[in-house]
C-alpha atoms as a PDB file:
ATOM      1  CA  UNK A   1      -0.077   0.037   0.066  1.00  0.00           C
ATOM      2  CA  UNK A   2       1.092   3.504  -0.713  1.00  0.00           C
ATOM      3  CA  UNK A   3      -0.172   6.887   0.194  1.00  0.00           C
ATOM      4  CA  UNK A   4      -0.833  10.232  -1.606  1.00  0.00           C
ATOM      5  CA  UNK A   5       0.733  13.458  -0.741  1.00  0.00           C
ATOM      6  CA  UNK A   6      -0.690  15.244   2.302  1.00  0.00           C
ATOM      7  CA  UNK A   7      -1.452  18.359   0.240  1.00  0.00           C
ATOM      8  CA  UNK A   8      -3.652  16.367  -2.138  1.00  0.00           C
ATOM      9  CA  UNK A   9      -7.535  17.180  -2.288  1.00  0.00           C
ATOM     10  CA  UNK A  10      -9.094  14.556  -4.294  1.00  0.00           C
ATOM     11  CA  UNK A  11     -12.955  14.402  -5.390  1.00  0.00           C
ATOM     12  CA  UNK A  12     -13.925  10.904  -4.138  1.00  0.00           C
ATOM     13  CA  UNK A  13     -16.959   8.612  -4.285  1.00  0.00           C
ATOM     14  CA  UNK A  14     -17.472   5.973  -1.451  1.00  0.00           C
ATOM     15  CA  UNK A  15     -17.565   2.484  -2.165  1.00  0.00           C
ATOM     16  CA  UNK A  16     -20.941   1.221  -1.528  1.00  0.00           C
ATOM     17  CA  UNK A  17     -21.378  -1.452   1.092  1.00  0.00           C
ATOM     18  CA  UNK A  18     -17.648  -1.199   2.108  1.00  0.00           C
ATOM     19  CA  UNK A  19     -18.657  -1.502   5.835  1.00  0.00           C
ATOM     20  CA  UNK A  20     -19.160  -5.109   5.313  1.00  0.00           C
ATOM     21  CA  UNK A  21     -15.828  -5.687   3.711  1.00  0.00           C
ATOM     22  CA  UNK A  22     -13.028  -6.930   6.113  1.00  0.00           C
ATOM     23  CA  UNK A  23     -10.067  -4.611   7.196  1.00  0.00           C
ATOM     24  CA  UNK A  24      -6.865  -5.086   5.100  1.00  0.00           C
ATOM     25  CA  UNK A  25      -4.910  -8.030   6.309  1.00  0.00           C
ATOM     26  CA  UNK A  26      -2.785  -7.263   9.429  1.00  0.00           C
ATOM     27  CA  UNK A  27      -4.952  -4.322  10.469  1.00  0.00           C
ATOM     28  CA  UNK A  28      -7.764  -4.172  12.989  1.00  0.00           C
ATOM     29  CA  UNK A  29      -9.632  -1.646  10.900  1.00  0.00           C
ATOM     30  CA  UNK A  30      -9.296   0.506   7.827  1.00  0.00           C
ATOM     31  CA  UNK A  31      -8.768   3.558  10.045  1.00  0.00           C
ATOM     32  CA  UNK A  32      -6.043   1.520  11.909  1.00  0.00           C
ATOM     33  CA  UNK A  33      -4.563   0.854   8.521  1.00  0.00           C
ATOM     34  CA  UNK A  34      -4.522   4.540   7.619  1.00  0.00           C
ATOM     35  CA  UNK A  35      -3.032   5.476  10.850  1.00  0.00           C
ATOM     36  CA  UNK A  36      -0.134   2.971  10.671  1.00  0.00           C
ATOM     37  CA  UNK A  37       0.817   3.802   7.062  1.00  0.00           C
ATOM     38  CA  UNK A  38       0.568   7.441   7.313  1.00  0.00           C
ATOM     39  CA  UNK A  39       2.093   7.596  10.760  1.00  0.00           C
ATOM     40  CA  UNK A  40      -0.620   9.929  11.900  1.00  0.00           C
ATOM     41  CA  UNK A  41      -3.474   9.726  14.434  1.00  0.00           C
ATOM     42  CA  UNK A  42      -6.660  10.400  12.620  1.00  0.00           C
ATOM     43  CA  UNK A  43      -8.259  13.580  13.895  1.00  0.00           C
ATOM     44  CA  UNK A  44     -11.096  15.058  12.168  1.00  0.00           C
ATOM     45  CA  UNK A  45     -12.757  13.771   9.110  1.00  0.00           C
ATOM     46  CA  UNK A  46     -10.971  14.447   5.867  1.00  0.00           C
ATOM     47  CA  UNK A  47     -13.984  15.660   3.968  1.00  0.00           C
ATOM     48  CA  UNK A  48     -13.399  19.158   3.302  1.00  0.00           C
ATOM     49  CA  UNK A  49     -16.724  20.487   4.792  1.00  0.00           C
ATOM     50  CA  UNK A  50     -16.679  18.179   7.843  1.00  0.00           C
ATOM     51  CA  UNK A  51     -15.361  18.996  11.438  1.00  0.00           C
ATOM     52  CA  UNK A  52     -16.376  15.910  13.092  1.00  0.00           C
ATOM     53  CA  UNK A  53     -14.049  13.393  14.672  1.00  0.00           C
ATOM     54  CA  UNK A  54     -12.911  10.800  12.390  1.00  0.00           C
ATOM     55  CA  UNK A  55     -14.193   7.254  13.617  1.00  0.00           C
ATOM     56  CA  UNK A  56     -14.019   5.310  10.496  1.00  0.00           C
ATOM     57  CA  UNK A  57     -11.781   4.529   7.627  1.00  0.00           C
ATOM     58  CA  UNK A  58     -13.759   5.291   4.487  1.00  0.00           C
ATOM     59  CA  UNK A  59     -13.025   3.332   1.332  1.00  0.00           C
ATOM     60  CA  UNK A  60     -13.455   5.346  -1.890  1.00  0.00           C
ATOM     61  CA  UNK A  61     -12.483   5.678  -5.380  1.00  0.00           C
ATOM     62  CA  UNK A  62     -11.371   8.855  -7.368  1.00  0.00           C
ATOM     63  CA  UNK A  63     -14.525  10.541  -9.191  1.00  0.00           C
ATOM     64  CA  UNK A  64     -14.132  11.612 -12.694  1.00  0.00           C
ATOM     65  CA  UNK A  65     -10.965   9.297 -13.058  1.00  0.00           C
ATOM     66  CA  UNK A  66      -9.981   6.247 -14.775  1.00  0.00           C
ATOM     67  CA  UNK A  67      -8.127   5.471 -11.710  1.00  0.00           C
ATOM     68  CA  UNK A  68      -9.755   2.157 -10.239  1.00  0.00           C
ATOM     69  CA  UNK A  69      -7.776   1.978  -7.108  1.00  0.00           C
ATOM     70  CA  UNK A  70      -9.443   2.180  -3.680  1.00  0.00           C
ATOM     71  CA  UNK A  71      -8.278   4.669  -1.121  1.00  0.00           C
ATOM     72  CA  UNK A  72      -8.797   4.824   2.652  1.00  0.00           C
ATOM     73  CA  UNK A  73      -9.216   8.171   4.272  1.00  0.00           C
ATOM     74  CA  UNK A  74     -10.287   9.038   7.924  1.00  0.00           C
ATOM     75  CA  UNK A  75     -14.028   9.820   8.114  1.00  0.00           C
ATOM     76  CA  UNK A  76     -16.856  10.310  10.587  1.00  0.00           C
ATOM     77  CA  UNK A  77     -19.660   7.850  10.504  1.00  0.00           C
ATOM     78  CA  UNK A  78     -21.877  10.119   8.305  1.00  0.00           C
ATOM     79  CA  UNK A  79     -19.224  11.009   5.644  1.00  0.00           C
ATOM     80  CA  UNK A  80     -18.016   7.355   5.617  1.00  0.00           C
ATOM     81  CA  UNK A  81     -21.549   6.411   4.413  1.00  0.00           C
ATOM     82  CA  UNK A  82     -22.248   9.238   1.966  1.00  0.00           C
ATOM     83  CA  UNK A  83     -23.341   8.568  -1.575  1.00  0.00           C
ATOM     84  CA  UNK A  84     -22.471  12.007  -3.122  1.00  0.00           C
ATOM     85  CA  UNK A  85     -18.874  13.127  -4.252  1.00  0.00           C
ATOM     86  CA  UNK A  86     -16.669  14.268  -1.369  1.00  0.00           C
ATOM     87  CA  UNK A  87     -13.723  16.611  -1.557  1.00  0.00           C
ATOM     88  CA  UNK A  88     -11.115  14.803   0.689  1.00  0.00           C
ATOM     89  CA  UNK A  89      -7.911  16.215   1.979  1.00  0.00           C
ATOM     90  CA  UNK A  90      -4.886  13.764   1.852  1.00  0.00           C
ATOM     91  CA  UNK A  91      -3.086  11.744   2.695  1.00  0.00           C
ATOM     92  CA  UNK A  92      -5.029   9.069   1.451  1.00  0.00           C
ATOM     93  CA  UNK A  93      -3.835   5.278   1.413  1.00  0.00           C
ATOM     94  CA  UNK A  94      -4.049   3.749  -1.720  1.00  0.00           C
ATOM     95  CA  UNK A  95      -4.837  -0.004  -1.666  1.00  0.00           C
END
């Protein structure tokens, strides 16, 4: 897994039903994966207009892109379940 630049803002679309998918192998959760790979503690949700605490590792793809990779970003419960596009601040962990 790799991560994007921390100054990156990407337009993302959550992967539907991602909450039923298991955490990446060797990690307790997607949020744990994001924290260990970035070396940061998740603070607030990475969605640009949200200020709630990050409690989930959202799984998303880039909107308007041919890049089919999935990315993990710290999100609050609400933003992790959103169906519309989100402006997400990096770093993001590419799976």
